[in-house]
Amino acid sequence: MRLYMTPGSCSTGIHILLEEIDNPFEAAIVNLPAGDQFKPDYVAINPKSTIPTLLRDDGTALTEFQAIAYWLARINPRARLMPGDPDGDALVMEVMDYVVGTIHMQGFARIFTTSSFTPDPSAHDAVQARGREIAAKGLGLMDKVLEGKDYVAGAFSIADAALFYVEFWADKTAIDLRPNCRAHYHRMRARPAVHRVLREEGYR
């Protein structure tokens, strides 16, 4: 398999899952600032021009964080990346969808890709401030989800890989992580797979 990724992005979460299941894969860097996602070779694989993209062994490409994470969990049942019961699996999907759809796409996207929300440079500060509010509120909700637990569903799951990447962004952008999220973030960083991923992506 080949993972098309950008270091320090949402694709870091998928990179972590691939390391957790210990399946051989090749990493291909997509330089977003340079516009690699719009180059014909990449568009031929992923017409959405987004990351991550997972090119599977049969030559088909899978896109969208949630879809890739779910597929990896289903084809690697021994890794136990989902709880396996209806309520536990629903919680994992609920948290993962909220992290990606709201904390990332509504919160951090306003911070990192401000111009896509407004063409007016004079409004950029307000857009970024709103993004920080959304991200902080969302992480506060996740703090409550983690109450009394080491991981989202008790044991490590695909939802934790998603939550980690926004916690990582919060740490890098000085957005406060409340106690349960802060503990989760450090717990994740202590996992061997996460340690390897951060080292491979150029972080310490």
C-alpha atoms as a PDB file:
ATOM      1  CA  MET A   1       0.000   0.000   0.000  1.00  0.00           C
ATOM      2  CA  ARG A   2       1.010   3.599  -0.466  1.00  0.00           C
ATOM      3  CA  LEU A   3      -0.075   6.453   1.794  1.00  0.00           C
ATOM      4  CA  TYR A   4      -0.112   9.891   0.219  1.00  0.00           C
ATOM      5  CA  MET A   5       0.460  12.222   3.136  1.00  0.00           C
ATOM      6  CA  THR A   6       1.781  15.544   4.386  1.00  0.00           C
ATOM      7  CA  PRO A   7       3.848  15.553   7.597  1.00  0.00           C
ATOM      8  CA  GLY A   8       2.043  17.138  10.532  1.00  0.00           C
ATOM      9  CA  SER A   9      -1.336  17.083   8.802  1.00  0.00           C
ATOM     10  CA  CYS A  10      -4.471  14.997   9.357  1.00  0.00           C
ATOM     11  CA  SER A  11      -2.714  12.230   7.435  1.00  0.00           C
ATOM     12  CA  THR A  12      -0.508  11.792  10.497  1.00  0.00           C
ATOM     13  CA  GLY A  13      -3.461  10.006  12.091  1.00  0.00           C
ATOM     14  CA  ILE A  14      -3.602   7.456   9.264  1.00  0.00           C
ATOM     15  CA  HIS A  15       0.177   7.116   9.391  1.00  0.00           C
ATOM     16  CA  ILE A  16      -0.197   6.204  13.074  1.00  0.00           C
ATOM     17  CA  LEU A  17      -2.826   3.559  12.317  1.00  0.00           C
ATOM     18  CA  LEU A  18      -0.630   1.978   9.653  1.00  0.00           C
ATOM     19  CA  GLU A  19       2.218   1.803  12.145  1.00  0.00           C
ATOM     20  CA  GLU A  20      -0.098   0.357  14.788  1.00  0.00           C
ATOM     21  CA  ILE A  21      -1.178  -2.528  12.547  1.00  0.00           C
ATOM     22  CA  ASP A  22       2.433  -3.029  11.442  1.00  0.00           C
ATOM     23  CA  ASN A  23       1.516  -3.533   7.786  1.00  0.00           C
ATOM     24  CA  PRO A  24       4.149  -2.757   5.144  1.00  0.00           C
ATOM     25  CA  PHE A  25       3.397   0.465   3.273  1.00  0.00           C
ATOM     26  CA  GLU A  26       5.147   3.181   1.335  1.00  0.00           C
ATOM     27  CA  ALA A  27       4.801   6.840   2.270  1.00  0.00           C
ATOM     28  CA  ALA A  28       4.549   9.394  -0.542  1.00  0.00           C
ATOM     29  CA  ILE A  29       4.841  13.051   0.478  1.00  0.00           C
ATOM     30  CA  VAL A  30       2.320  15.511  -0.969  1.00  0.00           C
ATOM     31  CA  ASN A  31       3.641  19.070  -0.638  1.00  0.00           C
ATOM     32  CA  LEU A  32       0.443  21.047  -0.157  1.00  0.00           C
ATOM     33  CA  PRO A  33       2.017  24.552  -0.126  1.00  0.00           C
ATOM     34  CA  ALA A  34       3.714  23.703  -3.437  1.00  0.00           C
ATOM     35  CA  GLY A  35       0.393  22.572  -4.910  1.00  0.00           C
ATOM     36  CA  ASP A  36       1.312  18.902  -5.397  1.00  0.00           C
ATOM     37  CA  GLN A  37      -2.313  17.972  -4.759  1.00  0.00           C
ATOM     38  CA  PHE A  38      -3.307  19.677  -8.012  1.00  0.00           C
ATOM     39  CA  LYS A  39      -0.717  18.046 -10.230  1.00  0.00           C
ATOM     40  CA  PRO A  40      -2.125  15.703 -12.905  1.00  0.00           C
ATOM     41  CA  ASP A  41      -0.460  12.581 -11.524  1.00  0.00           C
ATOM     42  CA  TYR A  42      -2.039  13.094  -8.113  1.00  0.00           C
ATOM     43  CA  VAL A  43      -5.416  14.208  -9.446  1.00  0.00           C
ATOM     44  CA  ALA A  44      -5.525  10.978 -11.437  1.00  0.00           C
ATOM     45  CA  ILE A  45      -5.350   9.107  -8.118  1.00  0.00           C
ATOM     46  CA  ASN A  46      -7.519  11.461  -6.063  1.00  0.00           C
ATOM     47  CA  PRO A  47      -9.626  13.924  -8.093  1.00  0.00           C
ATOM     48  CA  LYS A  48     -10.615  15.672  -4.837  1.00  0.00           C
ATOM     49  CA  SER A  49      -6.998  16.878  -4.479  1.00  0.00           C
ATOM     50  CA  THR A  50      -7.094  16.126  -0.771  1.00  0.00           C
ATOM     51  CA  ILE A  51      -5.052  14.143   1.721  1.00  0.00           C
ATOM     52  CA  PRO A  52      -4.792  11.495   2.947  1.00  0.00           C
ATOM     53  CA  THR A  53      -5.123   9.042   0.082  1.00  0.00           C
ATOM     54  CA  LEU A  54      -4.449   5.348   0.538  1.00  0.00           C
ATOM     55  CA  LEU A  55      -3.550   3.479  -2.632  1.00  0.00           C
ATOM     56  CA  ARG A  56      -4.411  -0.129  -1.912  1.00  0.00           C
ATOM     57  CA  ASP A  57      -2.737  -3.282  -3.146  1.00  0.00           C
ATOM     58  CA  ASP A  58      -5.431  -3.804  -5.781  1.00  0.00           C
ATOM     59  CA  GLY A  59      -4.675  -0.399  -7.302  1.00  0.00           C
ATOM     60  CA  THR A  60      -7.800   1.355  -6.002  1.00  0.00           C
ATOM     61  CA  ALA A  61      -7.569   4.564  -4.006  1.00  0.00           C
ATOM     62  CA  LEU A  62      -9.436   5.292  -0.804  1.00  0.00           C
ATOM     63  CA  THR A  63      -9.877   8.880   0.384  1.00  0.00           C
ATOM     64  CA  GLU A  64     -11.310  10.672   3.457  1.00  0.00           C
ATOM     65  CA  PHE A  65      -9.836  10.112   6.909  1.00  0.00           C
ATOM     66  CA  GLN A  66     -12.870   8.332   8.361  1.00  0.00           C
ATOM     67  CA  ALA A  67     -13.207   5.937   5.432  1.00  0.00           C
ATOM     68  CA  ILE A  68      -9.526   4.994   5.445  1.00  0.00           C
ATOM     69  CA  ALA A  69      -9.462   4.528   9.223  1.00  0.00           C
ATOM     70  CA  TYR A  70     -12.605   2.387   9.174  1.00  0.00           C
ATOM     71  CA  TRP A  71     -11.280   0.240   6.323  1.00  0.00           C
ATOM     72  CA  LEU A  72      -7.978  -0.335   8.088  1.00  0.00           C
ATOM     73  CA  ALA A  73      -9.830  -1.413  11.221  1.00  0.00           C
ATOM     74  CA  ARG A  74     -12.060  -3.819   9.311  1.00  0.00           C
ATOM     75  CA  ILE A  75      -9.291  -5.539   7.345  1.00  0.00           C
ATOM     76  CA  ASN A  76      -7.059  -5.819  10.417  1.00  0.00           C
ATOM     77  CA  PRO A  77      -9.412  -7.213  13.084  1.00  0.00           C
ATOM     78  CA  ARG A  78      -6.547  -8.598  15.173  1.00  0.00           C
ATOM     79  CA  ALA A  79      -5.311  -5.032  15.748  1.00  0.00           C
ATOM     80  CA  ARG A  80      -8.600  -4.294  17.553  1.00  0.00           C
ATOM     81  CA  LEU A  81      -8.815  -0.744  16.246  1.00  0.00           C
ATOM     82  CA  MET A  82     -12.548  -0.679  17.043  1.00  0.00           C
ATOM     83  CA  PRO A  83     -14.308  -2.022  20.147  1.00  0.00           C
ATOM     84  CA  GLY A  84     -16.375  -4.554  18.186  1.00  0.00           C
ATOM     85  CA  ASP A  85     -19.720  -3.940  19.886  1.00  0.00           C
ATOM     86  CA  PRO A  86     -22.474  -1.679  18.481  1.00  0.00           C
ATOM     87  CA  ASP A  87     -22.314   0.953  21.217  1.00  0.00           C
ATOM     88  CA  GLY A  88     -18.524   1.084  21.282  1.00  0.00           C
ATOM     89  CA  ASP A  89     -18.229   1.234  17.503  1.00  0.00           C
ATOM     90  CA  ALA A  90     -20.876   3.974  17.345  1.00  0.00           C
ATOM     91  CA  LEU A  91     -18.965   6.044  19.914  1.00  0.00           C
ATOM     92  CA  VAL A  92     -15.751   5.661  17.938  1.00  0.00           C
ATOM     93  CA  MET A  93     -17.451   6.791  14.717  1.00  0.00           C
ATOM     94  CA  GLU A  94     -19.248   9.643  16.490  1.00  0.00           C
ATOM     95  CA  VAL A  95     -16.035  11.039  17.965  1.00  0.00           C
ATOM     96  CA  MET A  96     -14.017  10.560  14.777  1.00  0.00           C
ATOM     97  CA  ASP A  97     -16.645  12.291  12.641  1.00  0.00           C
ATOM     98  CA  TYR A  98     -16.864  15.213  15.068  1.00  0.00           C
ATOM     99  CA  VAL A  99     -13.090  15.601  15.268  1.00  0.00           C
ATOM    100  CA  VAL A 100     -12.680  15.621  11.488  1.00  0.00           C
ATOM    101  CA  GLY A 101     -15.882  17.408  10.507  1.00  0.00           C
ATOM    102  CA  THR A 102     -15.989  20.093  13.196  1.00  0.00           C
ATOM    103  CA  ILE A 103     -12.733  20.514  15.140  1.00  0.00           C
ATOM    104  CA  HIS A 104     -10.623  20.114  11.993  1.00  0.00           C
ATOM    105  CA  MET A 105     -12.761  21.314   9.093  1.00  0.00           C
ATOM    106  CA  GLN A 106     -14.592  24.132  10.910  1.00  0.00           C
ATOM    107  CA  GLY A 107     -11.997  25.044  13.530  1.00  0.00           C
ATOM    108  CA  PHE A 108      -8.419  24.443  12.465  1.00  0.00           C
ATOM    109  CA  ALA A 109      -9.189  24.909   8.778  1.00  0.00           C
ATOM    110  CA  ARG A 110     -10.046  28.542   9.566  1.00  0.00           C
ATOM    111  CA  ILE A 111      -6.635  28.900  11.196  1.00  0.00           C
ATOM    112  CA  PHE A 112      -4.536  27.108   8.584  1.00  0.00           C
ATOM    113  CA  THR A 113      -6.421  27.925   5.360  1.00  0.00           C
ATOM    114  CA  THR A 114      -7.957  31.267   6.245  1.00  0.00           C
ATOM    115  CA  SER A 115      -8.187  32.578   2.697  1.00  0.00           C
ATOM    116  CA  SER A 116     -10.500  29.728   1.715  1.00  0.00           C
ATOM    117  CA  PHE A 117     -13.104  31.145   4.109  1.00  0.00           C
ATOM    118  CA  THR A 118     -12.892  34.756   2.932  1.00  0.00           C
ATOM    119  CA  PRO A 119     -11.175  36.591   0.079  1.00  0.00           C
ATOM    120  CA  ASP A 120     -10.948  39.708   2.250  1.00  0.00           C
ATOM    121  CA  PRO A 121      -7.542  39.984   3.989  1.00  0.00           C
ATOM    122  CA  SER A 122      -8.984  42.442   6.502  1.00  0.00           C
ATOM    123  CA  ALA A 123     -11.280  39.673   7.776  1.00  0.00           C
ATOM    124  CA  HIS A 124      -8.538  37.082   8.255  1.00  0.00           C
ATOM    125  CA  ASP A 125      -7.962  37.836  11.950  1.00  0.00           C
ATOM    126  CA  ALA A 126     -11.657  37.422  12.695  1.00  0.00           C
ATOM    127  CA  VAL A 127     -11.834  34.162  10.751  1.00  0.00           C
ATOM    128  CA  GLN A 128      -8.837  32.759  12.597  1.00  0.00           C
ATOM    129  CA  ALA A 129     -10.235  33.864  15.948  1.00  0.00           C
ATOM    130  CA  ARG A 130     -13.490  32.072  15.163  1.00  0.00           C
ATOM    131  CA  GLY A 131     -11.502  28.979  14.206  1.00  0.00           C
ATOM    132  CA  ARG A 132      -9.726  29.021  17.539  1.00  0.00           C
ATOM    133  CA  GLU A 133     -13.068  29.313  19.333  1.00  0.00           C
ATOM    134  CA  ILE A 134     -14.504  26.325  17.459  1.00  0.00           C
ATOM    135  CA  ALA A 135     -11.403  24.217  18.033  1.00  0.00           C
ATOM    136  CA  ALA A 136     -11.235  25.070  21.736  1.00  0.00           C
ATOM    137  CA  LYS A 137     -14.929  24.350  22.261  1.00  0.00           C
ATOM    138  CA  GLY A 138     -14.654  21.048  20.409  1.00  0.00           C
ATOM    139  CA  LEU A 139     -11.625  19.956  22.394  1.00  0.00           C
ATOM    140  CA  GLY A 140     -13.509  20.854  25.550  1.00  0.00           C
ATOM    141  CA  LEU A 141     -16.275  18.468  24.517  1.00  0.00           C
ATOM    142  CA  MET A 142     -13.700  15.773  23.824  1.00  0.00           C
ATOM    143  CA  ASP A 143     -12.266  16.347  27.295  1.00  0.00           C
ATOM    144  CA  LYS A 144     -15.633  15.286  28.713  1.00  0.00           C
ATOM    145  CA  VAL A 145     -15.721  12.207  26.459  1.00  0.00           C
ATOM    146  CA  LEU A 146     -12.365  11.149  27.909  1.00  0.00           C
ATOM    147  CA  GLU A 147     -13.496  11.538  31.525  1.00  0.00           C
ATOM    148  CA  GLY A 148     -12.324   8.512  33.498  1.00  0.00           C
ATOM    149  CA  LYS A 149     -10.823   6.792  30.435  1.00  0.00           C
ATOM    150  CA  ASP A 150      -7.383   6.383  28.921  1.00  0.00           C
ATOM    151  CA  TYR A 151      -8.780   6.375  25.377  1.00  0.00           C
ATOM    152  CA  VAL A 152     -12.027   7.370  23.679  1.00  0.00           C
ATOM    153  CA  ALA A 153     -13.616   3.904  23.883  1.00  0.00           C
ATOM    154  CA  GLY A 154     -11.555   2.634  26.797  1.00  0.00           C
ATOM    155  CA  ALA A 155      -8.913   0.930  24.653  1.00  0.00           C
ATOM    156  CA  PHE A 156      -7.013   2.506  21.752  1.00  0.00           C
ATOM    157  CA  SER A 157      -9.110   2.867  18.586  1.00  0.00           C
ATOM    158  CA  ILE A 158      -9.199   4.716  15.291  1.00  0.00           C
ATOM    159  CA  ALA A 159     -10.916   7.628  17.075  1.00  0.00           C
ATOM    160  CA  ASP A 160      -7.802   8.207  19.167  1.00  0.00           C
ATOM    161  CA  ALA A 161      -5.654   8.627  16.057  1.00  0.00           C
ATOM    162  CA  ALA A 162      -8.052  11.333  14.864  1.00  0.00           C
ATOM    163  CA  LEU A 163      -8.210  13.061  18.237  1.00  0.00           C
ATOM    164  CA  PHE A 164      -4.434  12.982  18.510  1.00  0.00           C
ATOM    165  CA  TYR A 165      -3.808  14.976  15.348  1.00  0.00           C
ATOM    166  CA  VAL A 166      -6.026  17.860  16.488  1.00  0.00           C
ATOM    167  CA  GLU A 167      -4.473  17.726  19.954  1.00  0.00           C
ATOM    168  CA  PHE A 168      -1.100  17.925  18.203  1.00  0.00           C
ATOM    169  CA  TRP A 169      -2.272  20.999  16.299  1.00  0.00           C
ATOM    170  CA  ALA A 170      -3.606  22.563  19.496  1.00  0.00           C
ATOM    171  CA  ASP A 171      -0.232  22.046  21.136  1.00  0.00           C
ATOM    172  CA  LYS A 172       1.517  23.698  18.190  1.00  0.00           C
ATOM    173  CA  THR A 173      -0.881  26.676  18.027  1.00  0.00           C
ATOM    174  CA  ALA A 174      -1.118  27.421  21.761  1.00  0.00           C
ATOM    175  CA  ILE A 175      -4.731  26.313  22.120  1.00  0.00           C
ATOM    176  CA  ASP A 176      -5.212  25.040  25.651  1.00  0.00           C
ATOM    177  CA  LEU A 177      -5.813  21.342  26.138  1.00  0.00           C
ATOM    178  CA  ARG A 178      -7.913  20.583  29.186  1.00  0.00           C
ATOM    179  CA  PRO A 179      -6.656  17.936  31.627  1.00  0.00           C
ATOM    180  CA  ASN A 180      -8.173  14.817  30.047  1.00  0.00           C
ATOM    181  CA  CYS A 181      -7.152  15.815  26.526  1.00  0.00           C
ATOM    182  CA  ARG A 182      -3.697  16.797  27.750  1.00  0.00           C
ATOM    183  CA  ALA A 183      -3.293  13.402  29.427  1.00  0.00           C
ATOM    184  CA  HIS A 184      -4.583  11.656  26.289  1.00  0.00           C
ATOM    185  CA  TYR A 185      -2.151  13.621  24.131  1.00  0.00           C
ATOM    186  CA  HIS A 186       0.837  12.599  26.226  1.00  0.00           C
ATOM    187  CA  ARG A 187      -0.432   9.030  26.483  1.00  0.00           C
ATOM    188  CA  MET A 188      -0.617   8.890  22.701  1.00  0.00           C
ATOM    189  CA  ARG A 189       2.859  10.372  22.303  1.00  0.00           C
ATOM    190  CA  ALA A 190       4.188   7.614  24.545  1.00  0.00           C
ATOM    191  CA  ARG A 191       2.889   4.871  22.231  1.00  0.00           C
ATOM    192  CA  PRO A 192       5.765   3.354  20.215  1.00  0.00           C
ATOM    193  CA  ALA A 193       3.877   3.718  16.908  1.00  0.00           C
ATOM    194  CA  VAL A 194       3.202   7.419  17.537  1.00  0.00           C
ATOM    195  CA  HIS A 195       6.788   8.002  18.585  1.00  0.00           C
ATOM    196  CA  ARG A 196       7.998   6.430  15.322  1.00  0.00           C
ATOM    197  CA  VAL A 197       5.557   8.446  13.224  1.00  0.00           C
ATOM    198  CA  LEU A 198       6.518  11.784  14.753  1.00  0.00           C
ATOM    199  CA  ARG A 199      10.207  10.986  14.307  1.00  0.00           C
ATOM    200  CA  GLU A 200       9.653   9.929  10.684  1.00  0.00           C
ATOM    201  CA  GLU A 201       7.638  13.095   9.992  1.00  0.00           C
ATOM    202  CA  GLY A 202      10.361  15.306  11.424  1.00  0.00           C
ATOM    203  CA  TYR A 203       8.905  16.056  14.858  1.00  0.00           C
ATOM    204  CA  ARG A 204      10.252  15.349  18.318  1.00  0.00           C
END
